[in-house]
Amino acid sequence: MASDTVGAQPELSSDRAWWLRVPATLLSPRPVFFALREDDPDDVAARSEPLLLVIWMAGVAAVLATPTASDLLDSPDYDAMLVAIWAFIAGGLYGVVGYFVIGFALFFGVRLLGSLGDFRRARQTVGFALVPLALSLVVLLPLRLALYGGDTFRSGGADEGTGENVFLALALAFAAWSLVLLVVGVRVTHGWSWLRALAATAAAAALLAALVGVFMLV
């Protein structure tokens, strides 16, 4: 008689499950955000490495879209290797700081709308919402380098004009995708209506704008 265990699949570990949820966020985000409701310590710990990768890549994508990055090679002190090192370090710092700052703003927004969720859930919602922005790094940067090479990081290069505008529009599209996922994440993790989730996200955006305004005045 065949054993009952024949053909049984091994149980998926929490670590592997969360790595698989990173790409799944792009196609089926609801189950991913719903899984953030789980408070088991092992499950929570399993999210740390995927989240770190996502926020680091998103941070690099963000700093490479700044005016500072567009003319780095104008300086004789920079070469391609130093640009890569700068992007890795600055992007990582930018991503981690943004993860906590935007996470705090979202925590404020959802609390304002009556949430009892904690800061961890808010910032992890932000983290997984950043997956499209992280994806933009591996989509747009290689394409831009293939088309324009080192002019990507030089002022007045071949990428200026129409090319620059097209890539800016694409970068904004990925950022908008992340924003949509953030609203989806708030709605799913709290079981709210679309209107309530939008209101919480808007409150978070208002706090962020206020923080940026204060920072600019200092």
C-alpha atoms as a PDB file:
ATOM      1  CA  MET A   1       0.000   0.000   0.000  1.00  0.00           C
ATOM      2  CA  ALA A   2       1.359   3.380  -0.934  1.00  0.00           C
ATOM      3  CA  SER A   3       2.439   5.566   1.931  1.00  0.00           C
ATOM      4  CA  ASP A   4       0.229   8.527   2.786  1.00  0.00           C
ATOM      5  CA  THR A   5       3.264  10.749   2.531  1.00  0.00           C
ATOM      6  CA  VAL A   6       4.108   9.859  -1.051  1.00  0.00           C
ATOM      7  CA  GLY A   7       3.927  12.973  -3.204  1.00  0.00           C
ATOM      8  CA  ALA A   8       3.611  15.265  -0.191  1.00  0.00           C
ATOM      9  CA  GLN A   9       5.295  18.618  -0.641  1.00  0.00           C
ATOM     10  CA  PRO A  10       7.609  19.967   2.056  1.00  0.00           C
ATOM     11  CA  GLU A  11       6.179  22.889   3.971  1.00  0.00           C
ATOM     12  CA  LEU A  12       7.381  26.234   2.665  1.00  0.00           C
ATOM     13  CA  SER A  13       9.618  28.005   5.184  1.00  0.00           C
ATOM     14  CA  SER A  14       8.782  31.542   6.284  1.00  0.00           C
ATOM     15  CA  ASP A  15      12.044  32.830   4.810  1.00  0.00           C
ATOM     16  CA  ARG A  16      11.349  31.362   1.365  1.00  0.00           C
ATOM     17  CA  ALA A  17       7.714  32.446   1.505  1.00  0.00           C
ATOM     18  CA  TRP A  18       8.655  36.087   2.051  1.00  0.00           C
ATOM     19  CA  TRP A  19      11.267  36.044  -0.702  1.00  0.00           C
ATOM     20  CA  LEU A  20       8.585  34.725  -3.058  1.00  0.00           C
ATOM     21  CA  ARG A  21       6.196  37.453  -1.929  1.00  0.00           C
ATOM     22  CA  VAL A  22       8.523  40.193  -3.178  1.00  0.00           C
ATOM     23  CA  PRO A  23       7.819  39.578  -6.906  1.00  0.00           C
ATOM     24  CA  ALA A  24       4.262  38.517  -6.044  1.00  0.00           C
ATOM     25  CA  THR A  25       3.629  42.070  -4.811  1.00  0.00           C
ATOM     26  CA  LEU A  26       3.742  43.255  -8.413  1.00  0.00           C
ATOM     27  CA  LEU A  27       1.032  40.905  -9.683  1.00  0.00           C
ATOM     28  CA  SER A  28      -1.036  39.914  -6.658  1.00  0.00           C
ATOM     29  CA  PRO A  29      -0.414  42.388  -3.829  1.00  0.00           C
ATOM     30  CA  ARG A  30      -3.445  41.644  -1.644  1.00  0.00           C
ATOM     31  CA  PRO A  31      -2.229  38.285  -0.215  1.00  0.00           C
ATOM     32  CA  VAL A  32       1.194  39.826   0.441  1.00  0.00           C
ATOM     33  CA  PHE A  33      -0.186  42.729   2.437  1.00  0.00           C
ATOM     34  CA  PHE A  34      -2.667  40.463   4.192  1.00  0.00           C
ATOM     35  CA  ALA A  35       0.282  38.333   5.360  1.00  0.00           C
ATOM     36  CA  LEU A  36       1.660  41.398   7.177  1.00  0.00           C
ATOM     37  CA  ARG A  37      -1.097  40.889   9.736  1.00  0.00           C
ATOM     38  CA  GLU A  38       0.780  37.839  11.035  1.00  0.00           C
ATOM     39  CA  ASP A  39       2.516  38.628  14.348  1.00  0.00           C
ATOM     40  CA  ASP A  40       4.435  35.371  14.821  1.00  0.00           C
ATOM     41  CA  PRO A  41       8.055  36.349  15.710  1.00  0.00           C
ATOM     42  CA  ASP A  42       9.579  33.886  13.231  1.00  0.00           C
ATOM     43  CA  ASP A  43       7.372  35.169  10.424  1.00  0.00           C
ATOM     44  CA  VAL A  44       8.165  38.780  11.293  1.00  0.00           C
ATOM     45  CA  ALA A  45      11.907  38.025  11.351  1.00  0.00           C
ATOM     46  CA  ALA A  46      11.688  36.312   7.952  1.00  0.00           C
ATOM     47  CA  ARG A  47      10.623  39.611   6.356  1.00  0.00           C
ATOM     48  CA  SER A  48      13.771  41.506   7.314  1.00  0.00           C
ATOM     49  CA  GLU A  49      16.126  40.447   4.507  1.00  0.00           C
ATOM     50  CA  PRO A  50      13.622  40.818   1.634  1.00  0.00           C
ATOM     51  CA  LEU A  51      12.598  44.210   3.001  1.00  0.00           C
ATOM     52  CA  LEU A  52      16.212  45.344   3.298  1.00  0.00           C
ATOM     53  CA  LEU A  53      16.872  44.423  -0.334  1.00  0.00           C
ATOM     54  CA  VAL A  54      13.738  46.210  -1.533  1.00  0.00           C
ATOM     55  CA  ILE A  55      14.333  49.453   0.372  1.00  0.00           C
ATOM     56  CA  TRP A  56      18.019  49.497  -0.606  1.00  0.00           C
ATOM     57  CA  MET A  57      17.220  49.070  -4.300  1.00  0.00           C
ATOM     58  CA  ALA A  58      14.417  51.638  -4.083  1.00  0.00           C
ATOM     59  CA  GLY A  59      16.825  54.073  -2.418  1.00  0.00           C
ATOM     60  CA  VAL A  60      19.409  53.591  -5.164  1.00  0.00           C
ATOM     61  CA  ALA A  61      16.726  54.145  -7.806  1.00  0.00           C
ATOM     62  CA  ALA A  62      15.675  57.329  -6.031  1.00  0.00           C
ATOM     63  CA  VAL A  63      19.168  58.854  -5.736  1.00  0.00           C
ATOM     64  CA  LEU A  64      19.978  58.025  -9.355  1.00  0.00           C
ATOM     65  CA  ALA A  65      16.924  60.057 -10.376  1.00  0.00           C
ATOM     66  CA  THR A  66      18.219  63.190  -8.605  1.00  0.00           C
ATOM     67  CA  PRO A  67      19.948  66.114 -10.373  1.00  0.00           C
ATOM     68  CA  THR A  68      23.085  65.313  -8.365  1.00  0.00           C
ATOM     69  CA  ALA A  69      23.457  61.956 -10.114  1.00  0.00           C
ATOM     70  CA  SER A  70      22.932  63.420 -13.582  1.00  0.00           C
ATOM     71  CA  ASP A  71      26.269  65.269 -13.607  1.00  0.00           C
ATOM     72  CA  LEU A  72      28.554  63.197 -11.371  1.00  0.00           C
ATOM     73  CA  LEU A  73      30.939  62.381 -14.220  1.00  0.00           C
ATOM     74  CA  ASP A  74      31.404  66.094 -14.915  1.00  0.00           C
ATOM     75  CA  SER A  75      33.800  66.038 -11.972  1.00  0.00           C
ATOM     76  CA  PRO A  76      37.291  64.668 -12.679  1.00  0.00           C
ATOM     77  CA  ASP A  77      37.211  63.087  -9.221  1.00  0.00           C
ATOM     78  CA  TYR A  78      34.548  60.583 -10.323  1.00  0.00           C
ATOM     79  CA  ASP A  79      34.738  57.575 -12.581  1.00  0.00           C
ATOM     80  CA  ALA A  80      32.248  54.761 -13.232  1.00  0.00           C
ATOM     81  CA  MET A  81      33.403  52.786 -10.186  1.00  0.00           C
ATOM     82  CA  LEU A  82      33.016  55.755  -7.832  1.00  0.00           C
ATOM     83  CA  VAL A  83      29.568  56.488  -9.260  1.00  0.00           C
ATOM     84  CA  ALA A  84      28.538  52.901  -8.486  1.00  0.00           C
ATOM     85  CA  ILE A  85      29.945  53.141  -4.937  1.00  0.00           C
ATOM     86  CA  TRP A  86      28.240  56.506  -4.394  1.00  0.00           C
ATOM     87  CA  ALA A  87      24.911  55.137  -5.617  1.00  0.00           C
ATOM     88  CA  PHE A  88      25.177  52.054  -3.395  1.00  0.00           C
ATOM     89  CA  ILE A  89      26.035  53.967  -0.215  1.00  0.00           C
ATOM     90  CA  ALA A  90      23.863  57.035  -0.756  1.00  0.00           C
ATOM     91  CA  GLY A  91      20.984  54.915  -2.041  1.00  0.00           C
ATOM     92  CA  GLY A  92      21.146  52.584   0.933  1.00  0.00           C
ATOM     93  CA  LEU A  93      21.109  55.465   3.398  1.00  0.00           C
ATOM     94  CA  TYR A  94      18.339  57.207   1.479  1.00  0.00           C
ATOM     95  CA  GLY A  95      16.273  54.039   1.371  1.00  0.00           C
ATOM     96  CA  VAL A  96      16.620  53.176   5.049  1.00  0.00           C
ATOM     97  CA  VAL A  97      15.905  56.718   6.232  1.00  0.00           C
ATOM     98  CA  GLY A  98      12.960  56.967   3.850  1.00  0.00           C
ATOM     99  CA  TYR A  99      11.639  53.612   5.039  1.00  0.00           C
ATOM    100  CA  PHE A 100      11.433  54.813   8.624  1.00  0.00           C
ATOM    101  CA  VAL A 101      10.331  58.391   7.890  1.00  0.00           C
ATOM    102  CA  ILE A 102       7.592  57.396   5.442  1.00  0.00           C
ATOM    103  CA  GLY A 103       6.686  54.509   7.755  1.00  0.00           C
ATOM    104  CA  PHE A 104       6.235  56.969  10.620  1.00  0.00           C
ATOM    105  CA  ALA A 105       4.127  59.249   8.427  1.00  0.00           C
ATOM    106  CA  LEU A 106       1.911  56.318   7.454  1.00  0.00           C
ATOM    107  CA  PHE A 107       1.662  55.246  11.088  1.00  0.00           C
ATOM    108  CA  PHE A 108       0.466  58.779  11.887  1.00  0.00           C
ATOM    109  CA  GLY A 109      -2.022  58.698   9.015  1.00  0.00           C
ATOM    110  CA  VAL A 110      -3.605  55.357   9.884  1.00  0.00           C
ATOM    111  CA  ARG A 111      -3.761  56.231  13.588  1.00  0.00           C
ATOM    112  CA  LEU A 112      -5.553  59.434  12.684  1.00  0.00           C
ATOM    113  CA  LEU A 113      -8.168  57.328  10.893  1.00  0.00           C
ATOM    114  CA  GLY A 114      -8.645  54.999  13.880  1.00  0.00           C
ATOM    115  CA  SER A 115      -6.099  52.218  13.332  1.00  0.00           C
ATOM    116  CA  LEU A 116      -4.773  50.197  16.261  1.00  0.00           C
ATOM    117  CA  GLY A 117      -1.905  48.785  14.172  1.00  0.00           C
ATOM    118  CA  ASP A 118       1.696  49.278  15.276  1.00  0.00           C
ATOM    119  CA  PHE A 119       4.619  51.116  13.712  1.00  0.00           C
ATOM    120  CA  ARG A 120       6.149  47.872  12.424  1.00  0.00           C
ATOM    121  CA  ARG A 121       3.113  47.074  10.305  1.00  0.00           C
ATOM    122  CA  ALA A 122       3.023  50.611   8.918  1.00  0.00           C
ATOM    123  CA  ARG A 123       6.667  50.668   7.870  1.00  0.00           C
ATOM    124  CA  GLN A 124       6.539  47.139   6.430  1.00  0.00           C
ATOM    125  CA  THR A 125       3.525  48.167   4.379  1.00  0.00           C
ATOM    126  CA  VAL A 126       5.666  50.996   3.030  1.00  0.00           C
ATOM    127  CA  GLY A 127       8.517  48.567   2.368  1.00  0.00           C
ATOM    128  CA  PHE A 128       6.508  46.203   0.200  1.00  0.00           C
ATOM    129  CA  ALA A 129       4.822  49.108  -1.558  1.00  0.00           C
ATOM    130  CA  LEU A 130       8.314  50.151  -2.719  1.00  0.00           C
ATOM    131  CA  VAL A 131       8.768  46.989  -4.821  1.00  0.00           C
ATOM    132  CA  PRO A 132       7.878  48.768  -8.126  1.00  0.00           C
ATOM    133  CA  LEU A 133      10.394  51.511  -7.350  1.00  0.00           C
ATOM    134  CA  ALA A 134      13.025  48.848  -6.668  1.00  0.00           C
ATOM    135  CA  LEU A 135      12.066  47.173  -9.954  1.00  0.00           C
ATOM    136  CA  SER A 136      12.676  50.452 -11.793  1.00  0.00           C
ATOM    137  CA  LEU A 137      16.364  50.172 -10.901  1.00  0.00           C
ATOM    138  CA  VAL A 138      16.835  46.899 -12.794  1.00  0.00           C
ATOM    139  CA  VAL A 139      14.620  48.020 -15.692  1.00  0.00           C
ATOM    140  CA  LEU A 140      15.479  51.656 -16.343  1.00  0.00           C
ATOM    141  CA  LEU A 141      19.159  51.891 -15.392  1.00  0.00           C
ATOM    142  CA  PRO A 142      20.422  49.114 -17.722  1.00  0.00           C
ATOM    143  CA  LEU A 143      18.245  50.498 -20.532  1.00  0.00           C
ATOM    144  CA  ARG A 144      19.552  54.016 -20.014  1.00  0.00           C
ATOM    145  CA  LEU A 145      23.171  52.854 -19.868  1.00  0.00           C
ATOM    146  CA  ALA A 146      22.681  50.780 -23.024  1.00  0.00           C
ATOM    147  CA  LEU A 147      21.300  53.802 -24.885  1.00  0.00           C
ATOM    148  CA  TYR A 148      23.454  56.614 -23.521  1.00  0.00           C
ATOM    149  CA  GLY A 149      26.410  55.046 -21.698  1.00  0.00           C
ATOM    150  CA  GLY A 150      28.351  57.483 -19.518  1.00  0.00           C
ATOM    151  CA  ASP A 151      26.239  60.420 -20.745  1.00  0.00           C
ATOM    152  CA  THR A 152      23.677  59.204 -18.217  1.00  0.00           C
ATOM    153  CA  PHE A 153      25.817  60.826 -15.534  1.00  0.00           C
ATOM    154  CA  ARG A 154      27.025  63.867 -17.488  1.00  0.00           C
ATOM    155  CA  SER A 155      25.309  67.193 -18.029  1.00  0.00           C
ATOM    156  CA  GLY A 156      24.614  68.071 -21.633  1.00  0.00           C
ATOM    157  CA  GLY A 157      24.902  64.451 -22.742  1.00  0.00           C
ATOM    158  CA  ALA A 158      23.035  62.564 -25.421  1.00  0.00           C
ATOM    159  CA  ASP A 159      20.244  61.706 -22.998  1.00  0.00           C
ATOM    160  CA  GLU A 160      19.107  65.307 -22.573  1.00  0.00           C
ATOM    161  CA  GLY A 161      15.895  66.481 -24.212  1.00  0.00           C
ATOM    162  CA  THR A 162      13.363  63.881 -25.331  1.00  0.00           C
ATOM    163  CA  GLY A 163      15.260  60.915 -23.895  1.00  0.00           C
ATOM    164  CA  GLU A 164      15.533  62.530 -20.499  1.00  0.00           C
ATOM    165  CA  ASN A 165      11.823  63.367 -20.472  1.00  0.00           C
ATOM    166  CA  VAL A 166      10.858  59.820 -21.456  1.00  0.00           C
ATOM    167  CA  PHE A 167      12.928  58.273 -18.684  1.00  0.00           C
ATOM    168  CA  LEU A 168      11.580  60.803 -16.182  1.00  0.00           C
ATOM    169  CA  ALA A 169       8.036  59.851 -17.177  1.00  0.00           C
ATOM    170  CA  LEU A 170       8.860  56.156 -16.767  1.00  0.00           C
ATOM    171  CA  ALA A 171      10.422  56.758 -13.346  1.00  0.00           C
ATOM    172  CA  LEU A 172       7.320  58.681 -12.265  1.00  0.00           C
ATOM    173  CA  ALA A 173       5.148  55.814 -13.514  1.00  0.00           C
ATOM    174  CA  PHE A 174       7.011  53.359 -11.275  1.00  0.00           C
ATOM    175  CA  ALA A 175       6.693  55.797  -8.347  1.00  0.00           C
ATOM    176  CA  ALA A 176       2.957  56.108  -8.998  1.00  0.00           C
ATOM    177  CA  TRP A 177       2.693  52.309  -9.033  1.00  0.00           C
ATOM    178  CA  SER A 178       4.296  52.245  -5.591  1.00  0.00           C
ATOM    179  CA  LEU A 179       1.840  54.871  -4.372  1.00  0.00           C
ATOM    180  CA  VAL A 180      -1.101  52.791  -5.600  1.00  0.00           C
ATOM    181  CA  LEU A 181       0.332  49.743  -3.819  1.00  0.00           C
ATOM    182  CA  LEU A 182       0.637  51.787  -0.639  1.00  0.00           C
ATOM    183  CA  VAL A 183      -3.081  52.559  -0.725  1.00  0.00           C
ATOM    184  CA  VAL A 184      -3.819  48.879  -1.444  1.00  0.00           C
ATOM    185  CA  GLY A 185      -1.579  47.898   1.461  1.00  0.00           C
ATOM    186  CA  VAL A 186      -3.339  50.222   3.896  1.00  0.00           C
ATOM    187  CA  ARG A 187      -6.727  48.952   2.764  1.00  0.00           C
ATOM    188  CA  VAL A 188      -5.796  45.269   3.066  1.00  0.00           C
ATOM    189  CA  THR A 189      -3.792  45.363   6.300  1.00  0.00           C
ATOM    190  CA  HIS A 190      -6.579  47.252   8.066  1.00  0.00           C
ATOM    191  CA  GLY A 191      -9.612  45.852   6.249  1.00  0.00           C
ATOM    192  CA  TRP A 192     -10.745  49.365   5.371  1.00  0.00           C
ATOM    193  CA  SER A 193     -12.726  50.882   2.514  1.00  0.00           C
ATOM    194  CA  TRP A 194     -10.921  52.533  -0.384  1.00  0.00           C
ATOM    195  CA  LEU A 195     -11.990  55.973   0.843  1.00  0.00           C
ATOM    196  CA  ARG A 196     -10.626  55.423   4.337  1.00  0.00           C
ATOM    197  CA  ALA A 197      -7.360  54.009   2.981  1.00  0.00           C
ATOM    198  CA  LEU A 198      -6.976  56.997   0.645  1.00  0.00           C
ATOM    199  CA  ALA A 199      -7.663  59.401   3.512  1.00  0.00           C
ATOM    200  CA  ALA A 200      -4.989  57.754   5.686  1.00  0.00           C
ATOM    201  CA  THR A 201      -2.463  57.862   2.846  1.00  0.00           C
ATOM    202  CA  ALA A 202      -3.291  61.522   2.191  1.00  0.00           C
ATOM    203  CA  ALA A 203      -2.774  62.316   5.873  1.00  0.00           C
ATOM    204  CA  ALA A 204       0.609  60.598   5.726  1.00  0.00           C
ATOM    205  CA  ALA A 205       1.529  62.612   2.618  1.00  0.00           C
ATOM    206  CA  ALA A 206       0.514  65.841   4.350  1.00  0.00           C
ATOM    207  CA  LEU A 207       2.758  65.033   7.316  1.00  0.00           C
ATOM    208  CA  LEU A 208       5.648  64.235   4.977  1.00  0.00           C
ATOM    209  CA  ALA A 209       5.147  67.526   3.150  1.00  0.00           C
ATOM    210  CA  ALA A 210       5.169  69.376   6.475  1.00  0.00           C
ATOM    211  CA  LEU A 211       8.369  67.605   7.558  1.00  0.00           C
ATOM    212  CA  VAL A 212      10.071  68.462   4.260  1.00  0.00           C
ATOM    213  CA  GLY A 213       8.945  72.085   4.609  1.00  0.00           C
ATOM    214  CA  VAL A 214      10.403  72.318   8.127  1.00  0.00           C
ATOM    215  CA  PHE A 215      13.631  70.664   6.953  1.00  0.00           C
ATOM    216  CA  MET A 216      13.980  73.160   4.093  1.00  0.00           C
ATOM    217  CA  LEU A 217      13.576  76.061   6.506  1.00  0.00           C
ATOM    218  CA  VAL A 218      16.226  74.828   8.935  1.00  0.00           C
END
